[in-house]
């Protein structure tokens, strides 16, 4: 019985870790994309440079989501 409670707590903890840990990157990537589109609408000739920088900024903001995935795996399997 006690082992089943521990297993259930691990699954709930990993789910909460990913659920809460994905909110920040989602909001950050939305802001990055929205502001990049605004900048491209204002200066279409800069679109190539803006896309490169937008993708780099999205990759950096996604790293926190990957950290929460790593923590969720640690919770589940360690």
N, C-alpha and C. Protein backbone atom coordinates (compact mmCIF):
# COMPACT_ATOMS: atom_id res chain seq x y z
N UNK A 1 0.83 -1.20 0.00
CA UNK A 1 0.00 0.00 0.00
C UNK A 1 0.86 1.25 0.00
N UNK A 2 1.90 1.22 0.85
CA UNK A 2 2.78 2.38 0.96
C UNK A 2 3.53 2.62 -0.35
N UNK A 3 3.94 1.55 -1.02
CA UNK A 3 4.66 1.66 -2.30
C UNK A 3 3.75 2.26 -3.38
N UNK A 4 2.48 1.93 -3.36
CA UNK A 4 1.54 2.48 -4.35
C UNK A 4 1.36 3.98 -4.15
N UNK A 5 1.35 4.43 -2.90
CA UNK A 5 1.23 5.86 -2.62
C UNK A 5 2.47 6.60 -3.11
N UNK A 6 3.64 6.00 -2.91
CA UNK A 6 4.88 6.62 -3.37
C UNK A 6 4.90 6.71 -4.90
N UNK A 7 4.46 5.66 -5.58
CA UNK A 7 4.40 5.68 -7.04
C UNK A 7 3.43 6.75 -7.53
N UNK A 8 2.28 6.84 -6.90
CA UNK A 8 1.30 7.85 -7.30
C UNK A 8 1.84 9.26 -7.07
N UNK A 9 2.54 9.46 -5.97
CA UNK A 9 3.12 10.77 -5.68
C UNK A 9 4.20 11.12 -6.70
N UNK A 10 4.97 10.13 -7.16
CA UNK A 10 5.97 10.39 -8.18
C UNK A 10 5.33 10.85 -9.47
N UNK A 11 4.24 10.20 -9.88
CA UNK A 11 3.56 10.59 -11.12
C UNK A 11 2.92 11.97 -11.00
N UNK A 12 2.32 12.24 -9.86
CA UNK A 12 1.72 13.56 -9.66
C UNK A 12 2.81 14.64 -9.64
N UNK A 13 3.92 14.35 -8.96
CA UNK A 13 5.02 15.32 -8.90
C UNK A 13 5.62 15.60 -10.27
N UNK A 14 5.82 14.55 -11.05
CA UNK A 14 6.37 14.74 -12.40
C UNK A 14 5.40 15.50 -13.29
N UNK A 15 4.12 15.21 -13.15
CA UNK A 15 3.13 15.94 -13.94
C UNK A 15 3.06 17.40 -13.57
N UNK A 16 3.10 17.68 -12.28
CA UNK A 16 3.11 19.09 -11.84
C UNK A 16 4.38 19.80 -12.28
N UNK A 17 5.49 19.10 -12.23
CA UNK A 17 6.75 19.69 -12.65
C UNK A 17 6.69 20.10 -14.12
N UNK A 18 6.16 19.24 -14.96
CA UNK A 18 6.08 19.58 -16.38
C UNK A 18 4.97 20.60 -16.64
N UNK A 19 3.86 20.48 -15.95
CA UNK A 19 2.77 21.42 -16.17
C UNK A 19 3.14 22.84 -15.78
N UNK A 20 3.71 22.99 -14.60
CA UNK A 20 4.09 24.32 -14.14
C UNK A 20 5.36 24.79 -14.87
N UNK A 21 6.27 23.85 -15.12
CA UNK A 21 7.52 24.20 -15.78
C UNK A 21 7.37 24.59 -17.23
N UNK A 22 6.25 24.25 -17.86
CA UNK A 22 6.04 24.60 -19.26
C UNK A 22 5.31 25.93 -19.44
N UNK A 23 4.78 26.47 -18.37
CA UNK A 23 4.03 27.73 -18.48
C UNK A 23 4.97 28.89 -18.83
N UNK A 24 6.10 28.99 -18.13
CA UNK A 24 7.04 30.08 -18.36
C UNK A 24 7.59 30.11 -19.78
N UNK A 25 8.12 29.00 -20.29
CA UNK A 25 8.61 29.00 -21.66
C UNK A 25 7.52 29.30 -22.69
N UNK A 26 6.31 28.83 -22.44
CA UNK A 26 5.23 29.09 -23.39
C UNK A 26 4.92 30.59 -23.47
N UNK A 27 4.86 31.22 -22.32
CA UNK A 27 4.60 32.67 -22.30
C UNK A 27 5.77 33.42 -22.93
N UNK A 28 7.00 33.01 -22.59
CA UNK A 28 8.18 33.67 -23.14
C UNK A 28 8.28 33.55 -24.65
N UNK A 29 8.02 32.36 -25.16
CA UNK A 29 8.08 32.17 -26.61
C UNK A 29 6.97 32.93 -27.32
N UNK A 30 5.83 33.04 -26.69
CA UNK A 30 4.74 33.84 -27.27
C UNK A 30 5.13 35.30 -27.38
N UNK A 31 5.76 35.82 -26.34
CA UNK A 31 6.21 37.21 -26.37
C UNK A 31 7.28 37.42 -27.44
N UNK A 32 8.23 36.50 -27.52
CA UNK A 32 9.30 36.61 -28.51
C UNK A 32 8.71 36.60 -29.92
N UNK A 33 7.83 35.66 -30.19
CA UNK A 33 7.22 35.57 -31.52
C UNK A 33 6.38 36.79 -31.86
N UNK A 34 5.61 37.27 -30.91
CA UNK A 34 4.76 38.43 -31.16
C UNK A 34 5.58 39.67 -31.45
N UNK A 35 6.62 39.89 -30.67
CA UNK A 35 7.44 41.08 -30.87
C UNK A 35 8.27 40.97 -32.15
N UNK A 36 8.68 39.77 -32.51
CA UNK A 36 9.40 39.60 -33.77
C UNK A 36 8.47 39.89 -34.95
N UNK A 37 7.23 39.45 -34.87
CA UNK A 37 6.28 39.75 -35.95
C UNK A 37 5.99 41.26 -36.04
N UNK A 38 5.90 41.91 -34.89
CA UNK A 38 5.73 43.36 -34.89
C UNK A 38 6.90 44.05 -35.57
N UNK A 39 8.12 43.60 -35.24
CA UNK A 39 9.31 44.20 -35.83
C UNK A 39 9.36 43.94 -37.34
N UNK A 40 8.98 42.75 -37.77
CA UNK A 40 8.98 42.45 -39.21
C UNK A 40 7.93 43.25 -39.96
N UNK A 41 6.81 43.54 -39.29
CA UNK A 41 5.78 44.35 -39.93
C UNK A 41 6.26 45.79 -40.10
N UNK A 42 7.05 46.26 -39.15
CA UNK A 42 7.56 47.64 -39.23
C UNK A 42 8.72 47.76 -40.22
N UNK A 43 9.60 46.74 -40.25
CA UNK A 43 10.77 46.79 -41.12
C UNK A 43 10.91 45.46 -41.86
N UNK A 44 10.19 45.28 -42.96
CA UNK A 44 10.24 44.00 -43.69
C UNK A 44 11.63 43.66 -44.22
N UNK A 45 12.46 44.65 -44.47
CA UNK A 45 13.80 44.37 -45.00
C UNK A 45 14.70 43.70 -43.96
N UNK A 46 14.34 43.76 -42.70
CA UNK A 46 15.12 43.13 -41.63
C UNK A 46 14.62 41.73 -41.28
N UNK A 47 13.71 41.18 -42.07
CA UNK A 47 13.05 39.92 -41.72
C UNK A 47 14.05 38.77 -41.54
N UNK A 48 15.05 38.67 -42.40
CA UNK A 48 16.02 37.57 -42.29
C UNK A 48 16.78 37.60 -40.97
N UNK A 49 17.26 38.77 -40.62
CA UNK A 49 18.00 38.92 -39.36
C UNK A 49 17.08 38.70 -38.16
N UNK A 50 15.86 39.19 -38.26
CA UNK A 50 14.93 39.04 -37.14
C UNK A 50 14.53 37.59 -36.91
N UNK A 51 14.36 36.83 -37.99
CA UNK A 51 13.99 35.42 -37.83
C UNK A 51 15.12 34.66 -37.13
N UNK A 52 16.36 34.94 -37.52
CA UNK A 52 17.49 34.27 -36.89
C UNK A 52 17.54 34.57 -35.40
N UNK A 53 17.40 35.83 -35.05
CA UNK A 53 17.45 36.21 -33.64
C UNK A 53 16.23 35.71 -32.87
N UNK A 54 15.08 35.66 -33.55
CA UNK A 54 13.87 35.14 -32.90
C UNK A 54 14.05 33.66 -32.56
N UNK A 55 14.59 32.89 -33.49
CA UNK A 55 14.80 31.47 -33.24
C UNK A 55 15.82 31.24 -32.13
N UNK A 56 16.85 32.06 -32.08
CA UNK A 56 17.83 31.94 -31.01
C UNK A 56 17.19 32.27 -29.66
N UNK A 57 16.38 33.32 -29.61
CA UNK A 57 15.71 33.69 -28.36
C UNK A 57 14.71 32.62 -27.93
N UNK A 58 14.03 32.02 -28.88
CA UNK A 58 13.09 30.95 -28.54
C UNK A 58 13.82 29.73 -28.00
N UNK A 59 14.98 29.42 -28.56
CA UNK A 59 15.75 28.28 -28.06
C UNK A 59 16.22 28.53 -26.63
N UNK A 60 16.63 29.75 -26.34
CA UNK A 60 17.08 30.07 -24.98
C UNK A 60 15.91 29.99 -24.00
N UNK A 61 14.76 30.51 -24.41
CA UNK A 61 13.62 30.47 -23.49
C UNK A 61 13.07 29.05 -23.33
N UNK A 62 13.27 28.20 -24.30
CA UNK A 62 12.80 26.82 -24.20
C UNK A 62 13.68 26.00 -23.27
N UNK A 63 14.89 26.46 -23.00
CA UNK A 63 15.80 25.67 -22.17
C UNK A 63 15.23 25.44 -20.77
N UNK A 64 14.46 26.39 -20.23
CA UNK A 64 13.88 26.17 -18.91
C UNK A 64 12.83 25.06 -18.96
N UNK A 65 12.12 24.95 -20.07
CA UNK A 65 11.18 23.84 -20.22
C UNK A 65 11.90 22.50 -20.28
N UNK A 66 13.07 22.47 -20.92
CA UNK A 66 13.84 21.24 -20.96
C UNK A 66 14.40 20.88 -19.58
N UNK A 67 14.74 21.89 -18.80
CA UNK A 67 15.19 21.62 -17.43
C UNK A 67 14.06 21.00 -16.61
N UNK A 68 12.85 21.49 -16.78
CA UNK A 68 11.74 20.90 -16.03
C UNK A 68 11.45 19.48 -16.50
N UNK A 69 11.67 19.20 -17.79
CA UNK A 69 11.53 17.83 -18.28
C UNK A 69 12.58 16.93 -17.65
N UNK A 70 13.81 17.42 -17.54
CA UNK A 70 14.86 16.65 -16.89
C UNK A 70 14.53 16.35 -15.44
N UNK A 71 14.02 17.34 -14.74
CA UNK A 71 13.65 17.15 -13.33
C UNK A 71 12.50 16.14 -13.23
N UNK A 72 11.54 16.23 -14.16
CA UNK A 72 10.43 15.28 -14.14
C UNK A 72 10.93 13.85 -14.34
N UNK A 73 11.89 13.66 -15.26
CA UNK A 73 12.46 12.33 -15.45
C UNK A 73 13.21 11.85 -14.20
N UNK A 74 13.91 12.76 -13.55
CA UNK A 74 14.61 12.39 -12.32
C UNK A 74 13.61 11.96 -11.25
N UNK A 75 12.50 12.70 -11.15
CA UNK A 75 11.47 12.35 -10.17
C UNK A 75 10.91 10.95 -10.47
N UNK A 76 10.70 10.66 -11.74
CA UNK A 76 10.10 9.37 -12.10
C UNK A 76 11.05 8.19 -11.95
N UNK A 77 12.28 8.35 -12.38
CA UNK A 77 13.14 7.17 -12.53
C UNK A 77 14.27 7.06 -11.52
N UNK A 78 14.42 8.01 -10.61
CA UNK A 78 15.51 7.92 -9.63
C UNK A 78 14.94 7.72 -8.25
